[in-house]
PDB file of N, CA and C in Angstrom:
ATOM      1  N   MET A   1     -28.832   1.016  -5.885  1.00  0.00           N
ATOM      2  CA  MET A   1     -27.449   0.622  -6.052  1.00  0.00           C
ATOM      3  C   MET A   1     -26.899   0.090  -4.713  1.00  0.00           C
ATOM      4  N   ILE A   2     -26.122  -0.958  -4.817  1.00  0.00           N
ATOM      5  CA  ILE A   2     -25.529  -1.526  -3.539  1.00  0.00           C
ATOM      6  C   ILE A   2     -24.277  -0.742  -3.240  1.00  0.00           C
ATOM      7  N   LYS A   3     -24.146  -0.407  -1.966  1.00  0.00           N
ATOM      8  CA  LYS A   3     -22.945   0.190  -1.459  1.00  0.00           C
ATOM      9  C   LYS A   3     -21.901  -0.889  -1.125  1.00  0.00           C
ATOM     10  N   LEU A   4     -20.827  -0.912  -1.776  1.00  0.00           N
ATOM     11  CA  LEU A   4     -19.827  -2.040  -1.475  1.00  0.00           C
ATOM     12  C   LEU A   4     -18.786  -1.717  -0.391  1.00  0.00           C
ATOM     13  N   GLU A   5     -18.822  -0.575   0.136  1.00  0.00           N
ATOM     14  CA  GLU A   5     -17.926  -0.274   1.258  1.00  0.00           C
ATOM     15  C   GLU A   5     -18.258  -1.051   2.421  1.00  0.00           C
ATOM     16  N   ASN A   6     -17.225  -1.695   2.960  1.00  0.00           N
ATOM     17  CA  ASN A   6     -17.466  -2.614   4.101  1.00  0.00           C
ATOM     18  C   ASN A   6     -18.442  -3.781   3.868  1.00  0.00           C
ATOM     19  N   TYR A   7     -18.364  -4.350   2.682  1.00  0.00           N
ATOM     20  CA  TYR A   7     -19.441  -5.237   2.296  1.00  0.00           C
ATOM     21  C   TYR A   7     -19.019  -6.738   2.269  1.00  0.00           C
ATOM     22  N   PHE A   8     -17.726  -6.996   2.023  1.00  0.00           N
ATOM     23  CA  PHE A   8     -17.291  -8.418   1.743  1.00  0.00           C
ATOM     24  C   PHE A   8     -16.554  -8.979   2.950  1.00  0.00           C
ATOM     25  N   ASP A   9     -16.742 -10.220   3.244  1.00  0.00           N
ATOM     26  CA  ASP A   9     -15.857 -10.930   4.281  1.00  0.00           C
ATOM     27  C   ASP A   9     -14.710 -11.455   3.655  1.00  0.00           C
ATOM     28  N   LEU A  10     -14.585 -11.681   2.321  1.00  0.00           N
ATOM     29  CA  LEU A  10     -13.501 -12.222   1.603  1.00  0.00           C
ATOM     30  C   LEU A  10     -13.429 -11.733   0.163  1.00  0.00           C
ATOM     31  N   VAL A  11     -12.186 -11.374  -0.189  1.00  0.00           N
ATOM     32  CA  VAL A  11     -11.934 -10.977  -1.693  1.00  0.00           C
ATOM     33  C   VAL A  11     -10.815 -12.031  -2.086  1.00  0.00           C
ATOM     34  N   LEU A  12     -10.961 -12.751  -3.072  1.00  0.00           N
ATOM     35  CA  LEU A  12      -9.991 -13.773  -3.587  1.00  0.00           C
ATOM     36  C   LEU A  12      -9.533 -13.312  -4.968  1.00  0.00           C
ATOM     37  N   SER A  13      -8.271 -13.226  -5.261  1.00  0.00           N
ATOM     38  CA  SER A  13      -7.715 -12.993  -6.608  1.00  0.00           C
ATOM     39  C   SER A  13      -6.726 -13.977  -6.927  1.00  0.00           C
ATOM     40  N   THR A  14      -6.810 -14.606  -8.077  1.00  0.00           N
ATOM     41  CA  THR A  14      -5.886 -15.551  -8.473  1.00  0.00           C
ATOM     42  C   THR A  14      -5.399 -15.270  -9.883  1.00  0.00           C
ATOM     43  N   TYR A  15      -4.113 -15.174  -9.947  1.00  0.00           N
ATOM     44  CA  TYR A  15      -3.281 -15.007 -11.222  1.00  0.00           C
ATOM     45  C   TYR A  15      -3.893 -13.901 -12.031  1.00  0.00           C
ATOM     46  N   SER A  16      -4.036 -12.609 -11.456  1.00  0.00           N
ATOM     47  CA  SER A  16      -4.607 -11.593 -12.296  1.00  0.00           C
ATOM     48  C   SER A  16      -3.879 -10.287 -12.057  1.00  0.00           C
ATOM     49  N   PHE A  17      -3.333 -10.016 -10.894  1.00  0.00           N
ATOM     50  CA  PHE A  17      -2.706  -8.764 -10.600  1.00  0.00           C
ATOM     51  C   PHE A  17      -1.381  -8.505 -11.300  1.00  0.00           C
ATOM     52  N   HIS A  18      -0.674  -9.572 -11.746  1.00  0.00           N
ATOM     53  CA  HIS A  18       0.547  -9.383 -12.355  1.00  0.00           C
ATOM     54  C   HIS A  18       0.399  -8.689 -13.748  1.00  0.00           C
ATOM     55  N   HIS A  19      -0.811  -8.640 -14.283  1.00  0.00           N
ATOM     56  CA  HIS A  19      -1.065  -8.023 -15.546  1.00  0.00           C
ATOM     57  C   HIS A  19      -1.181  -6.497 -15.421  1.00  0.00           C
ATOM     58  N   TYR A  20      -1.256  -5.935 -14.230  1.00  0.00           N
ATOM     59  CA  TYR A  20      -1.439  -4.527 -13.996  1.00  0.00           C
ATOM     60  C   TYR A  20      -0.161  -3.768 -13.710  1.00  0.00           C
ATOM     61  N   THR A  21      -0.077  -2.479 -13.945  1.00  0.00           N
ATOM     62  CA  THR A  21       1.023  -1.630 -13.578  1.00  0.00           C
ATOM     63  C   THR A  21       0.991  -1.387 -12.090  1.00  0.00           C
ATOM     64  N   ILE A  22       2.084  -0.845 -11.472  1.00  0.00           N
ATOM     65  CA  ILE A  22       2.160  -0.636 -10.063  1.00  0.00           C
ATOM     66  C   ILE A  22       0.974   0.363  -9.738  1.00  0.00           C
ATOM     67  N   GLN A  23       0.850   1.457 -10.464  1.00  0.00           N
ATOM     68  CA  GLN A  23      -0.218   2.438 -10.217  1.00  0.00           C
ATOM     69  C   GLN A  23      -1.651   1.785 -10.227  1.00  0.00           C
ATOM     70  N   GLN A  24      -1.898   0.929 -11.140  1.00  0.00           N
ATOM     71  CA  GLN A  24      -3.133   0.271 -11.242  1.00  0.00           C
ATOM     72  C   GLN A  24      -3.369  -0.683  -9.997  1.00  0.00           C
ATOM     73  N   LYS A  25      -2.274  -1.361  -9.613  1.00  0.00           N
ATOM     74  CA  LYS A  25      -2.419  -2.222  -8.434  1.00  0.00           C
ATOM     75  C   LYS A  25      -2.751  -1.454  -7.245  1.00  0.00           C
ATOM     76  N   VAL A  26      -2.111  -0.339  -7.061  1.00  0.00           N
ATOM     77  CA  VAL A  26      -2.324   0.603  -5.830  1.00  0.00           C
ATOM     78  C   VAL A  26      -3.792   0.844  -5.769  1.00  0.00           C
ATOM     79  N   GLN A  27      -4.411   1.370  -6.972  1.00  0.00           N
ATOM     80  CA  GLN A  27      -5.756   1.634  -6.932  1.00  0.00           C
ATOM     81  C   GLN A  27      -6.661   0.469  -6.702  1.00  0.00           C
ATOM     82  N   LEU A  28      -6.316  -0.639  -7.199  1.00  0.00           N
ATOM     83  CA  LEU A  28      -7.134  -1.868  -6.960  1.00  0.00           C
ATOM     84  C   LEU A  28      -7.063  -2.296  -5.461  1.00  0.00           C
ATOM     85  N   TYR A  29      -5.859  -2.235  -4.862  1.00  0.00           N
ATOM     86  CA  TYR A  29      -5.701  -2.623  -3.477  1.00  0.00           C
ATOM     87  C   TYR A  29      -6.479  -1.709  -2.637  1.00  0.00           C
ATOM     88  N   ARG A  30      -6.543  -0.450  -2.924  1.00  0.00           N
ATOM     89  CA  ARG A  30      -7.332   0.531  -2.250  1.00  0.00           C
ATOM     90  C   ARG A  30      -8.829   0.211  -2.153  1.00  0.00           C
ATOM     91  N   LYS A  31      -9.292  -0.108  -3.463  1.00  0.00           N
ATOM     92  CA  LYS A  31     -10.727  -0.390  -3.649  1.00  0.00           C
ATOM     93  C   LYS A  31     -11.021  -1.697  -2.803  1.00  0.00           C
ATOM     94  N   ILE A  32     -10.158  -2.717  -2.932  1.00  0.00           N
ATOM     95  CA  ILE A  32     -10.392  -3.906  -2.251  1.00  0.00           C
ATOM     96  C   ILE A  32     -10.412  -3.646  -0.695  1.00  0.00           C
ATOM     97  N   TYR A  33      -9.430  -2.922  -0.254  1.00  0.00           N
ATOM     98  CA  TYR A  33      -9.442  -2.637   1.211  1.00  0.00           C
ATOM     99  C   TYR A  33     -10.744  -1.979   1.666  1.00  0.00           C
ATOM    100  N   ASN A  34     -11.230  -1.039   0.839  1.00  0.00           N
ATOM    101  CA  ASN A  34     -12.342  -0.243   1.267  1.00  0.00           C
ATOM    102  C   ASN A  34     -13.716  -1.135   1.232  1.00  0.00           C
ATOM    103  N   CYS A  35     -13.613  -2.119   0.474  1.00  0.00           N
ATOM    104  CA  CYS A  35     -14.835  -2.962   0.335  1.00  0.00           C
ATOM    105  C   CYS A  35     -14.900  -4.141   1.378  1.00  0.00           C
ATOM    106  N   LEU A  36     -13.840  -4.370   2.053  1.00  0.00           N
ATOM    107  CA  LEU A  36     -13.671  -5.449   3.040  1.00  0.00           C
ATOM    108  C   LEU A  36     -14.393  -4.925   4.408  1.00  0.00           C
ATOM    109  N   LYS A  37     -15.139  -5.887   5.008  1.00  0.00           N
ATOM    110  CA  LYS A  37     -15.527  -5.702   6.350  1.00  0.00           C
ATOM    111  C   LYS A  37     -14.386  -5.673   7.320  1.00  0.00           C
ATOM    112  N   GLU A  38     -14.661  -5.267   8.574  1.00  0.00           N
ATOM    113  CA  GLU A  38     -13.541  -5.353   9.618  1.00  0.00           C
ATOM    114  C   GLU A  38     -13.307  -6.877   9.875  1.00  0.00           C
ATOM    115  N   ASN A  39     -12.011  -7.156   9.942  1.00  0.00           N
ATOM    116  CA  ASN A  39     -11.633  -8.555  10.108  1.00  0.00           C
ATOM    117  C   ASN A  39     -11.797  -9.445   8.990  1.00  0.00           C
ATOM    118  N   ALA A  40     -12.026  -8.943   7.757  1.00  0.00           N
ATOM    119  CA  ALA A  40     -12.182  -9.656   6.654  1.00  0.00           C
ATOM    120  C   ALA A  40     -10.755 -10.069   5.955  1.00  0.00           C
ATOM    121  N   TYR A  41     -10.921 -10.798   5.022  1.00  0.00           N
ATOM    122  CA  TYR A  41      -9.624 -11.329   4.309  1.00  0.00           C
ATOM    123  C   TYR A  41      -9.507 -10.944   2.807  1.00  0.00           C
ATOM    124  N   PHE A  42      -8.340 -10.605   2.384  1.00  0.00           N
ATOM    125  CA  PHE A  42      -8.018 -10.490   0.980  1.00  0.00           C
ATOM    126  C   PHE A  42      -6.900 -11.529   0.750  1.00  0.00           C
ATOM    127  N   ILE A  43      -7.183 -12.450  -0.110  1.00  0.00           N
ATOM    128  CA  ILE A  43      -6.226 -13.500  -0.466  1.00  0.00           C
ATOM    129  C   ILE A  43      -5.803 -13.262  -1.900  1.00  0.00           C
ATOM    130  N   ASN A  44      -4.550 -13.049  -2.146  1.00  0.00           N
ATOM    131  CA  ASN A  44      -3.982 -12.764  -3.487  1.00  0.00           C
ATOM    132  C   ASN A  44      -3.047 -13.962  -3.861  1.00  0.00           C
ATOM    133  N   GLY A  45      -3.513 -14.805  -4.705  1.00  0.00           N
ATOM    134  CA  GLY A  45      -2.692 -15.901  -5.202  1.00  0.00           C
ATOM    135  C   GLY A  45      -2.149 -15.547  -6.577  1.00  0.00           C
ATOM    136  N   ASP A  46      -0.998 -14.952  -6.640  1.00  0.00           N
ATOM    137  CA  ASP A  46      -0.453 -14.455  -7.831  1.00  0.00           C
ATOM    138  C   ASP A  46       1.055 -14.730  -7.839  1.00  0.00           C
ATOM    139  N   THR A  47       1.625 -14.515  -9.034  1.00  0.00           N
ATOM    140  CA  THR A  47       3.102 -14.685  -9.153  1.00  0.00           C
ATOM    141  C   THR A  47       3.772 -13.319  -8.913  1.00  0.00           C
ATOM    142  N   VAL A  48       4.918 -13.360  -8.372  1.00  0.00           N
ATOM    143  CA  VAL A  48       5.800 -12.217  -8.103  1.00  0.00           C
ATOM    144  C   VAL A  48       7.187 -12.488  -8.598  1.00  0.00           C
ATOM    145  N   CYS A  49       7.640 -11.594  -9.499  1.00  0.00           N
ATOM    146  CA  CYS A  49       8.972 -11.665 -10.070  1.00  0.00           C
ATOM    147  C   CYS A  49       9.894 -10.598  -9.741  1.00  0.00           C
ATOM    148  N   LYS A  50      11.181 -10.721  -9.779  1.00  0.00           N
ATOM    149  CA  LYS A  50      12.130  -9.683  -9.552  1.00  0.00           C
ATOM    150  C   LYS A  50      12.011  -8.628 -10.691  1.00  0.00           C
ATOM    151  N   ASP A  51      11.833  -9.140 -11.980  1.00  0.00           N
ATOM    152  CA  ASP A  51      11.706  -8.303 -13.092  1.00  0.00           C
ATOM    153  C   ASP A  51      10.983  -9.014 -14.112  1.00  0.00           C
ATOM    154  N   LYS A  52      10.671  -8.328 -15.305  1.00  0.00           N
ATOM    155  CA  LYS A  52       9.849  -8.893 -16.323  1.00  0.00           C
ATOM    156  C   LYS A  52      10.483 -10.057 -17.015  1.00  0.00           C
ATOM    157  N   GLU A  53      11.771 -10.036 -17.083  1.00  0.00           N
ATOM    158  CA  GLU A  53      12.512 -11.075 -17.771  1.00  0.00           C
ATOM    159  C   GLU A  53      12.473 -12.312 -17.032  1.00  0.00           C
ATOM    160  N   THR A  54      12.324 -12.306 -15.598  1.00  0.00           N
ATOM    161  CA  THR A  54      12.248 -13.480 -14.882  1.00  0.00           C
ATOM    162  C   THR A  54      10.881 -14.223 -15.022  1.00  0.00           C
ATOM    163  N   GLY A  55       9.816 -13.367 -15.048  1.00  0.00           N
ATOM    164  CA  GLY A  55       8.457 -13.931 -15.159  1.00  0.00           C
ATOM    165  C   GLY A  55       7.996 -14.235 -16.436  1.00  0.00           C
TER     166      GLY A  55
END
């Protein structure tokens, strides 16, 4: 089994995180942070709205 901790140089997410709850996002952000190498990048290309009615 591959250990993913400190494994990636880049994680890219596009138009997916807005589907998750705040609690789910926090868990995902932690997992992403833990799998990034030192000085790696997380690029999140997603929409952000003030409230659900806006988006």
